[in-house]
């Protein structure tokens, strides 16, 4: 079983001690350090490989949301705070979970198990025998989607609807289109519109203004016409 290397960051000493005690009694968590000063924690992140951070949001030197923006993408976060108003901000920061103070060990363990599920899925993704897949946060769950089953993706402001071949209802995730394109393999997906990403191997045909993916007619916007045309030309038989 992979041990998840984690740290706790909270400006309240009693809160740090509580999280420390919870981490130590959780078999799959490995406490690397705890910090009441977020600046000290940031310095540790420069030379330590940390998988998970239990992070307070409202702190005097730097708020947890800003702190999370300086953390490497592979490091996941569980926010801990006494203020429920930060819930939406935490999901926009792509947090694993959000713990509202005061929380007990059962609440903590539930959040930690979500992190364990995430890292287990990442390990599965790394397996050479596994089919390429995507993991997205939808509501309170981490959802596994096989790349081969994606029909197309449609963006709505900060949200993305992921349409799949075998599910009539799209999967909704809080994520920008740019972040999604950075996640997807470039050789398998292409953006044709500020609101649409399509899988390359499911393009049936196209004209100057549209591309057909299965039976779906998807617009090609002016800003993506040149890159799409270059994509088509690069794959045309000479």
C-alpha atoms as a PDB file:
ATOM      1  CA  UNK A   1       0.000   0.000   0.000  1.00  0.00           C
ATOM      2  CA  UNK A   2       1.372   3.396  -1.013  1.00  0.00           C
ATOM      3  CA  UNK A   3       1.857   5.760   1.909  1.00  0.00           C
ATOM      4  CA  UNK A   4       0.593   9.262   1.185  1.00  0.00           C
ATOM      5  CA  UNK A   5       3.197  11.818   2.268  1.00  0.00           C
ATOM      6  CA  UNK A   6       1.389  14.767   3.823  1.00  0.00           C
ATOM      7  CA  UNK A   7       1.793  17.977   5.794  1.00  0.00           C
ATOM      8  CA  UNK A   8      -0.581  20.076   7.896  1.00  0.00           C
ATOM      9  CA  UNK A   9      -0.671  23.877   7.653  1.00  0.00           C
ATOM     10  CA  UNK A  10      -2.759  25.921  10.093  1.00  0.00           C
ATOM     11  CA  UNK A  11      -1.943  29.087  12.041  1.00  0.00           C
ATOM     12  CA  UNK A  12      -3.840  27.758  15.087  1.00  0.00           C
ATOM     13  CA  UNK A  13      -1.548  25.473  17.191  1.00  0.00           C
ATOM     14  CA  UNK A  14      -4.431  23.396  18.568  1.00  0.00           C
ATOM     15  CA  UNK A  15      -5.774  22.805  15.059  1.00  0.00           C
ATOM     16  CA  UNK A  16      -2.327  21.647  13.878  1.00  0.00           C
ATOM     17  CA  UNK A  17      -2.030  19.275  16.835  1.00  0.00           C
ATOM     18  CA  UNK A  18      -5.459  17.791  16.140  1.00  0.00           C
ATOM     19  CA  UNK A  19      -4.666  17.153  12.467  1.00  0.00           C
ATOM     20  CA  UNK A  20      -1.289  15.673  13.455  1.00  0.00           C
ATOM     21  CA  UNK A  21      -3.024  13.208  15.774  1.00  0.00           C
ATOM     22  CA  UNK A  22      -5.533  12.253  13.067  1.00  0.00           C
ATOM     23  CA  UNK A  23      -2.781  11.707  10.484  1.00  0.00           C
ATOM     24  CA  UNK A  24      -0.770   9.534  12.866  1.00  0.00           C
ATOM     25  CA  UNK A  25      -3.730   7.218  13.515  1.00  0.00           C
ATOM     26  CA  UNK A  26      -4.486   6.804   9.784  1.00  0.00           C
ATOM     27  CA  UNK A  27      -2.448   3.850   8.395  1.00  0.00           C
ATOM     28  CA  UNK A  28      -2.067   5.082   4.814  1.00  0.00           C
ATOM     29  CA  UNK A  29      -0.925   8.616   5.753  1.00  0.00           C
ATOM     30  CA  UNK A  30       2.687   9.551   6.482  1.00  0.00           C
ATOM     31  CA  UNK A  31       3.169  12.850   8.345  1.00  0.00           C
ATOM     32  CA  UNK A  32       6.211  14.671   6.940  1.00  0.00           C
ATOM     33  CA  UNK A  33       5.705  17.854   8.943  1.00  0.00           C
ATOM     34  CA  UNK A  34       3.247  20.388  10.372  1.00  0.00           C
ATOM     35  CA  UNK A  35       3.412  24.174  10.233  1.00  0.00           C
ATOM     36  CA  UNK A  36       1.719  27.137  11.855  1.00  0.00           C
ATOM     37  CA  UNK A  37       3.546  29.472   9.466  1.00  0.00           C
ATOM     38  CA  UNK A  38       2.573  28.942   5.803  1.00  0.00           C
ATOM     39  CA  UNK A  39       5.839  30.487   4.598  1.00  0.00           C
ATOM     40  CA  UNK A  40       7.771  27.708   6.353  1.00  0.00           C
ATOM     41  CA  UNK A  41       5.548  25.139   4.656  1.00  0.00           C
ATOM     42  CA  UNK A  42       6.186  26.653   1.226  1.00  0.00           C
ATOM     43  CA  UNK A  43       9.935  26.405   1.772  1.00  0.00           C
ATOM     44  CA  UNK A  44       9.613  22.712   2.653  1.00  0.00           C
ATOM     45  CA  UNK A  45       7.684  22.100  -0.567  1.00  0.00           C
ATOM     46  CA  UNK A  46      10.756  23.246  -2.508  1.00  0.00           C
ATOM     47  CA  UNK A  47      12.788  20.216  -1.446  1.00  0.00           C
ATOM     48  CA  UNK A  48      10.312  17.633  -0.126  1.00  0.00           C
ATOM     49  CA  UNK A  49       8.005  15.514  -2.275  1.00  0.00           C
ATOM     50  CA  UNK A  50       4.573  16.011  -0.719  1.00  0.00           C
ATOM     51  CA  UNK A  51       1.457  14.228  -1.948  1.00  0.00           C
ATOM     52  CA  UNK A  52      -1.221  15.837   0.211  1.00  0.00           C
ATOM     53  CA  UNK A  53      -1.662  19.039   2.241  1.00  0.00           C
ATOM     54  CA  UNK A  54      -4.234  19.599   4.975  1.00  0.00           C
ATOM     55  CA  UNK A  55      -4.493  23.365   4.560  1.00  0.00           C
ATOM     56  CA  UNK A  56      -6.294  26.054   6.532  1.00  0.00           C
ATOM     57  CA  UNK A  57      -7.816  28.816   4.383  1.00  0.00           C
ATOM     58  CA  UNK A  58      -7.968  31.896   6.593  1.00  0.00           C
ATOM     59  CA  UNK A  59      -4.409  32.610   7.771  1.00  0.00           C
ATOM     60  CA  UNK A  60      -2.769  36.010   8.472  1.00  0.00           C
ATOM     61  CA  UNK A  61       0.311  35.831   6.214  1.00  0.00           C
ATOM     62  CA  UNK A  62      -1.133  34.088   3.165  1.00  0.00           C
ATOM     63  CA  UNK A  63      -4.614  32.677   2.693  1.00  0.00           C
ATOM     64  CA  UNK A  64      -4.956  28.997   1.863  1.00  0.00           C
ATOM     65  CA  UNK A  65      -6.431  29.669  -1.600  1.00  0.00           C
ATOM     66  CA  UNK A  66      -3.366  31.743  -2.590  1.00  0.00           C
ATOM     67  CA  UNK A  67      -1.091  29.144  -0.989  1.00  0.00           C
ATOM     68  CA  UNK A  68      -2.682  26.417  -3.122  1.00  0.00           C
ATOM     69  CA  UNK A  69      -1.815  28.318  -6.312  1.00  0.00           C
ATOM     70  CA  UNK A  70       1.883  27.971  -5.447  1.00  0.00           C
ATOM     71  CA  UNK A  71       1.724  24.220  -4.959  1.00  0.00           C
ATOM     72  CA  UNK A  72       2.800  21.760  -7.645  1.00  0.00           C
ATOM     73  CA  UNK A  73      -0.057  20.248  -9.613  1.00  0.00           C
ATOM     74  CA  UNK A  74       0.699  16.696  -8.457  1.00  0.00           C
ATOM     75  CA  UNK A  75       0.251  17.736  -4.809  1.00  0.00           C
ATOM     76  CA  UNK A  76      -3.377  17.524  -3.738  1.00  0.00           C
ATOM     77  CA  UNK A  77      -5.117  19.594  -1.063  1.00  0.00           C
ATOM     78  CA  UNK A  78      -7.780  19.086   1.583  1.00  0.00           C
ATOM     79  CA  UNK A  79      -8.888  22.474   2.905  1.00  0.00           C
ATOM     80  CA  UNK A  80      -9.727  22.906   6.594  1.00  0.00           C
ATOM     81  CA  UNK A  81     -11.602  26.023   7.663  1.00  0.00           C
ATOM     82  CA  UNK A  82     -14.233  27.372  10.041  1.00  0.00           C
ATOM     83  CA  UNK A  83     -15.939  29.327   7.238  1.00  0.00           C
ATOM     84  CA  UNK A  84     -18.336  27.574   4.851  1.00  0.00           C
ATOM     85  CA  UNK A  85     -18.263  30.568   2.467  1.00  0.00           C
ATOM     86  CA  UNK A  86     -14.947  29.260   1.088  1.00  0.00           C
ATOM     87  CA  UNK A  87     -16.444  25.999  -0.194  1.00  0.00           C
ATOM     88  CA  UNK A  88     -16.772  27.093  -3.840  1.00  0.00           C
ATOM     89  CA  UNK A  89     -13.276  28.622  -3.835  1.00  0.00           C
ATOM     90  CA  UNK A  90     -11.882  25.325  -2.598  1.00  0.00           C
ATOM     91  CA  UNK A  91     -13.385  23.387  -5.497  1.00  0.00           C
ATOM     92  CA  UNK A  92     -12.134  25.965  -7.972  1.00  0.00           C
ATOM     93  CA  UNK A  93      -8.701  25.281  -6.511  1.00  0.00           C
ATOM     94  CA  UNK A  94      -9.283  21.625  -7.440  1.00  0.00           C
ATOM     95  CA  UNK A  95      -9.191  20.432  -3.853  1.00  0.00           C
ATOM     96  CA  UNK A  96      -9.775  16.788  -2.984  1.00  0.00           C
ATOM     97  CA  UNK A  97     -12.163  17.769  -0.195  1.00  0.00           C
ATOM     98  CA  UNK A  98     -13.215  20.500   2.229  1.00  0.00           C
ATOM     99  CA  UNK A  99     -13.387  19.993   6.001  1.00  0.00           C
ATOM    100  CA  UNK A 100     -15.476  22.441   7.991  1.00  0.00           C
ATOM    101  CA  UNK A 101     -14.227  23.041  11.539  1.00  0.00           C
ATOM    102  CA  UNK A 102     -14.845  21.635  14.041  1.00  0.00           C
ATOM    103  CA  UNK A 103     -14.533  18.190  12.475  1.00  0.00           C
ATOM    104  CA  UNK A 104     -14.065  14.810  14.126  1.00  0.00           C
ATOM    105  CA  UNK A 105     -11.909  11.861  13.106  1.00  0.00           C
ATOM    106  CA  UNK A 106     -14.693  10.258  11.057  1.00  0.00           C
ATOM    107  CA  UNK A 107     -14.973  13.453   8.977  1.00  0.00           C
ATOM    108  CA  UNK A 108     -11.195  13.546   8.611  1.00  0.00           C
ATOM    109  CA  UNK A 109     -10.995   9.890   7.610  1.00  0.00           C
ATOM    110  CA  UNK A 110     -13.721  10.326   4.994  1.00  0.00           C
ATOM    111  CA  UNK A 111     -11.705  13.122   3.363  1.00  0.00           C
ATOM    112  CA  UNK A 112      -8.448  11.156   3.655  1.00  0.00           C
ATOM    113  CA  UNK A 113     -10.067   8.157   1.959  1.00  0.00           C
ATOM    114  CA  UNK A 114     -11.044  10.382  -0.967  1.00  0.00           C
ATOM    115  CA  UNK A 115      -7.377  11.329  -1.266  1.00  0.00           C
ATOM    116  CA  UNK A 116      -6.364   7.673  -1.095  1.00  0.00           C
ATOM    117  CA  UNK A 117      -8.854   6.872  -3.863  1.00  0.00           C
ATOM    118  CA  UNK A 118      -7.357   9.655  -5.976  1.00  0.00           C
ATOM    119  CA  UNK A 119      -3.774   8.435  -5.569  1.00  0.00           C
ATOM    120  CA  UNK A 120      -4.812   4.814  -6.143  1.00  0.00           C
ATOM    121  CA  UNK A 121      -6.388   5.891  -9.423  1.00  0.00           C
ATOM    122  CA  UNK A 122      -3.236   7.788 -10.391  1.00  0.00           C
ATOM    123  CA  UNK A 123      -1.147   4.664  -9.750  1.00  0.00           C
ATOM    124  CA  UNK A 124      -3.579   2.672 -11.873  1.00  0.00           C
ATOM    125  CA  UNK A 125      -3.257   5.258 -14.631  1.00  0.00           C
ATOM    126  CA  UNK A 126       0.530   4.828 -14.603  1.00  0.00           C
ATOM    127  CA  UNK A 127       0.210   1.102 -15.167  1.00  0.00           C
ATOM    128  CA  UNK A 128       1.336   0.237 -18.728  1.00  0.00           C
ATOM    129  CA  UNK A 129      -1.426  -2.350 -19.009  1.00  0.00           C
ATOM    130  CA  UNK A 130      -4.241   0.022 -18.157  1.00  0.00           C
ATOM    131  CA  UNK A 131      -6.263   1.865 -20.781  1.00  0.00           C
ATOM    132  CA  UNK A 132      -5.589   5.648 -20.842  1.00  0.00           C
ATOM    133  CA  UNK A 133      -8.091   7.410 -18.643  1.00  0.00           C
ATOM    134  CA  UNK A 134      -8.990  10.740 -17.119  1.00  0.00           C
ATOM    135  CA  UNK A 135      -9.924  11.448 -13.511  1.00  0.00           C
ATOM    136  CA  UNK A 136     -12.164  14.417 -12.770  1.00  0.00           C
ATOM    137  CA  UNK A 137     -13.872  15.759  -9.683  1.00  0.00           C
ATOM    138  CA  UNK A 138     -17.656  15.768 -10.147  1.00  0.00           C
ATOM    139  CA  UNK A 139     -19.574  16.964  -7.118  1.00  0.00           C
ATOM    140  CA  UNK A 140     -18.029  15.170  -4.141  1.00  0.00           C
ATOM    141  CA  UNK A 141     -16.669  12.228  -6.156  1.00  0.00           C
ATOM    142  CA  UNK A 142     -13.596  11.523  -8.256  1.00  0.00           C
ATOM    143  CA  UNK A 143     -14.875  10.028 -11.501  1.00  0.00           C
ATOM    144  CA  UNK A 144     -12.808   7.801 -13.789  1.00  0.00           C
ATOM    145  CA  UNK A 145     -13.399   8.262 -17.528  1.00  0.00           C
ATOM    146  CA  UNK A 146     -11.714   6.203 -20.229  1.00  0.00           C
ATOM    147  CA  UNK A 147     -10.333   8.494 -22.924  1.00  0.00           C
ATOM    148  CA  UNK A 148     -11.611   6.138 -25.609  1.00  0.00           C
ATOM    149  CA  UNK A 149     -15.188   6.663 -24.380  1.00  0.00           C
ATOM    150  CA  UNK A 150     -15.181  10.479 -24.576  1.00  0.00           C
ATOM    151  CA  UNK A 151     -17.442  11.758 -27.381  1.00  0.00           C
ATOM    152  CA  UNK A 152     -16.671  15.456 -26.895  1.00  0.00           C
ATOM    153  CA  UNK A 153     -16.262  18.097 -24.185  1.00  0.00           C
ATOM    154  CA  UNK A 154     -18.192  21.335 -23.878  1.00  0.00           C
ATOM    155  CA  UNK A 155     -17.221  24.276 -21.681  1.00  0.00           C
ATOM    156  CA  UNK A 156     -19.504  26.613 -19.747  1.00  0.00           C
ATOM    157  CA  UNK A 157     -17.474  29.328 -17.971  1.00  0.00           C
ATOM    158  CA  UNK A 158     -15.681  27.464 -15.138  1.00  0.00           C
ATOM    159  CA  UNK A 159     -17.447  24.156 -15.811  1.00  0.00           C
ATOM    160  CA  UNK A 160     -17.035  21.426 -18.412  1.00  0.00           C
ATOM    161  CA  UNK A 161     -19.565  18.863 -19.566  1.00  0.00           C
ATOM    162  CA  UNK A 162     -17.917  15.611 -20.640  1.00  0.00           C
ATOM    163  CA  UNK A 163     -20.081  13.602 -23.029  1.00  0.00           C
ATOM    164  CA  UNK A 164     -19.299   9.903 -23.297  1.00  0.00           C
ATOM    165  CA  UNK A 165     -20.365   7.157 -25.700  1.00  0.00           C
ATOM    166  CA  UNK A 166     -22.217   4.992 -23.198  1.00  0.00           C
ATOM    167  CA  UNK A 167     -23.856   7.582 -20.938  1.00  0.00           C
ATOM    168  CA  UNK A 168     -26.760   9.787 -22.097  1.00  0.00           C
ATOM    169  CA  UNK A 169     -26.031  12.321 -19.351  1.00  0.00           C
ATOM    170  CA  UNK A 170     -22.780  14.334 -19.388  1.00  0.00           C
ATOM    171  CA  UNK A 171     -20.353  14.351 -16.462  1.00  0.00           C
ATOM    172  CA  UNK A 172     -20.068  17.876 -15.023  1.00  0.00           C
ATOM    173  CA  UNK A 173     -16.763  19.019 -13.540  1.00  0.00           C
ATOM    174  CA  UNK A 174     -15.517  22.368 -12.212  1.00  0.00           C
ATOM    175  CA  UNK A 175     -12.557  22.968 -14.520  1.00  0.00           C
ATOM    176  CA  UNK A 176     -11.515  25.433 -17.235  1.00  0.00           C
ATOM    177  CA  UNK A 177     -11.082  24.410 -20.867  1.00  0.00           C
ATOM    178  CA  UNK A 178      -7.408  25.441 -20.732  1.00  0.00           C
ATOM    179  CA  UNK A 179      -6.780  23.217 -17.716  1.00  0.00           C
ATOM    180  CA  UNK A 180      -8.560  20.359 -19.475  1.00  0.00           C
ATOM    181  CA  UNK A 181      -6.454  20.740 -22.631  1.00  0.00           C
ATOM    182  CA  UNK A 182      -3.324  20.761 -20.476  1.00  0.00           C
ATOM    183  CA  UNK A 183      -4.495  17.458 -18.969  1.00  0.00           C
ATOM    184  CA  UNK A 184      -5.561  15.640 -22.143  1.00  0.00           C
ATOM    185  CA  UNK A 185      -2.955  14.070 -24.463  1.00  0.00           C
ATOM    186  CA  UNK A 186      -2.401  16.497 -27.352  1.00  0.00           C
ATOM    187  CA  UNK A 187      -2.166  13.722 -29.928  1.00  0.00           C
ATOM    188  CA  UNK A 188      -5.648  12.434 -29.034  1.00  0.00           C
ATOM    189  CA  UNK A 189      -7.698  15.620 -28.586  1.00  0.00           C
ATOM    190  CA  UNK A 190      -8.017  18.935 -30.402  1.00  0.00           C
ATOM    191  CA  UNK A 191      -9.763  22.157 -29.448  1.00  0.00           C
ATOM    192  CA  UNK A 192     -11.960  23.500 -32.234  1.00  0.00           C
ATOM    193  CA  UNK A 193     -13.821  26.235 -30.368  1.00  0.00           C
ATOM    194  CA  UNK A 194     -13.460  28.117 -27.089  1.00  0.00           C
ATOM    195  CA  UNK A 195     -16.269  25.862 -25.833  1.00  0.00           C
ATOM    196  CA  UNK A 196     -15.511  22.534 -27.553  1.00  0.00           C
ATOM    197  CA  UNK A 197     -12.786  19.869 -27.471  1.00  0.00           C
ATOM    198  CA  UNK A 198     -13.127  16.760 -29.646  1.00  0.00           C
ATOM    199  CA  UNK A 199     -11.271  13.428 -29.777  1.00  0.00           C
ATOM    200  CA  UNK A 200      -9.199  13.128 -32.945  1.00  0.00           C
ATOM    201  CA  UNK A 201     -10.117   9.526 -33.739  1.00  0.00           C
ATOM    202  CA  UNK A 202     -13.877  10.246 -33.660  1.00  0.00           C
ATOM    203  CA  UNK A 203     -13.922  13.009 -36.267  1.00  0.00           C
ATOM    204  CA  UNK A 204     -16.049  11.690 -39.155  1.00  0.00           C
ATOM    205  CA  UNK A 205     -15.797  14.712 -41.470  1.00  0.00           C
ATOM    206  CA  UNK A 206     -15.555  18.490 -41.438  1.00  0.00           C
ATOM    207  CA  UNK A 207     -16.057  21.645 -43.473  1.00  0.00           C
ATOM    208  CA  UNK A 208     -14.823  25.183 -42.955  1.00  0.00           C
ATOM    209  CA  UNK A 209     -17.211  25.885 -40.101  1.00  0.00           C
ATOM    210  CA  UNK A 210     -18.087  22.544 -38.511  1.00  0.00           C
ATOM    211  CA  UNK A 211     -16.739  19.172 -37.500  1.00  0.00           C
ATOM    212  CA  UNK A 212     -18.849  16.054 -37.101  1.00  0.00           C
ATOM    213  CA  UNK A 213     -18.096  13.739 -34.200  1.00  0.00           C
ATOM    214  CA  UNK A 214     -20.314  10.702 -34.536  1.00  0.00           C
ATOM    215  CA  UNK A 215     -23.718  12.343 -35.101  1.00  0.00           C
ATOM    216  CA  UNK A 216     -22.860  15.594 -33.355  1.00  0.00           C
ATOM    217  CA  UNK A 217     -22.323  18.763 -35.393  1.00  0.00           C
ATOM    218  CA  UNK A 218     -19.800  20.946 -33.564  1.00  0.00           C
ATOM    219  CA  UNK A 219     -18.808  24.480 -34.604  1.00  0.00           C
ATOM    220  CA  UNK A 220     -15.261  25.476 -35.468  1.00  0.00           C
ATOM    221  CA  UNK A 221     -14.656  29.062 -34.339  1.00  0.00           C
ATOM    222  CA  UNK A 222     -12.594  31.526 -36.362  1.00  0.00           C
ATOM    223  CA  UNK A 223      -9.783  31.565 -33.795  1.00  0.00           C
ATOM    224  CA  UNK A 224      -9.294  27.768 -34.151  1.00  0.00           C
ATOM    225  CA  UNK A 225      -9.828  27.358 -37.905  1.00  0.00           C
ATOM    226  CA  UNK A 226      -6.146  27.737 -38.801  1.00  0.00           C
ATOM    227  CA  UNK A 227      -4.893  25.229 -36.222  1.00  0.00           C
ATOM    228  CA  UNK A 228      -7.623  22.767 -37.182  1.00  0.00           C
ATOM    229  CA  UNK A 229      -6.778  23.151 -40.877  1.00  0.00           C
ATOM    230  CA  UNK A 230      -3.103  22.501 -40.117  1.00  0.00           C
ATOM    231  CA  UNK A 231      -4.120  19.440 -38.139  1.00  0.00           C
ATOM    232  CA  UNK A 232      -6.133  18.074 -41.082  1.00  0.00           C
ATOM    233  CA  UNK A 233      -3.337  18.860 -43.565  1.00  0.00           C
ATOM    234  CA  UNK A 234      -0.708  17.136 -41.434  1.00  0.00           C
ATOM    235  CA  UNK A 235      -2.715  13.914 -41.580  1.00  0.00           C
ATOM    236  CA  UNK A 236      -3.763  14.052 -45.209  1.00  0.00           C
ATOM    237  CA  UNK A 237      -2.362  11.490 -47.642  1.00  0.00           C
ATOM    238  CA  UNK A 238       0.067  13.251 -49.985  1.00  0.00           C
END
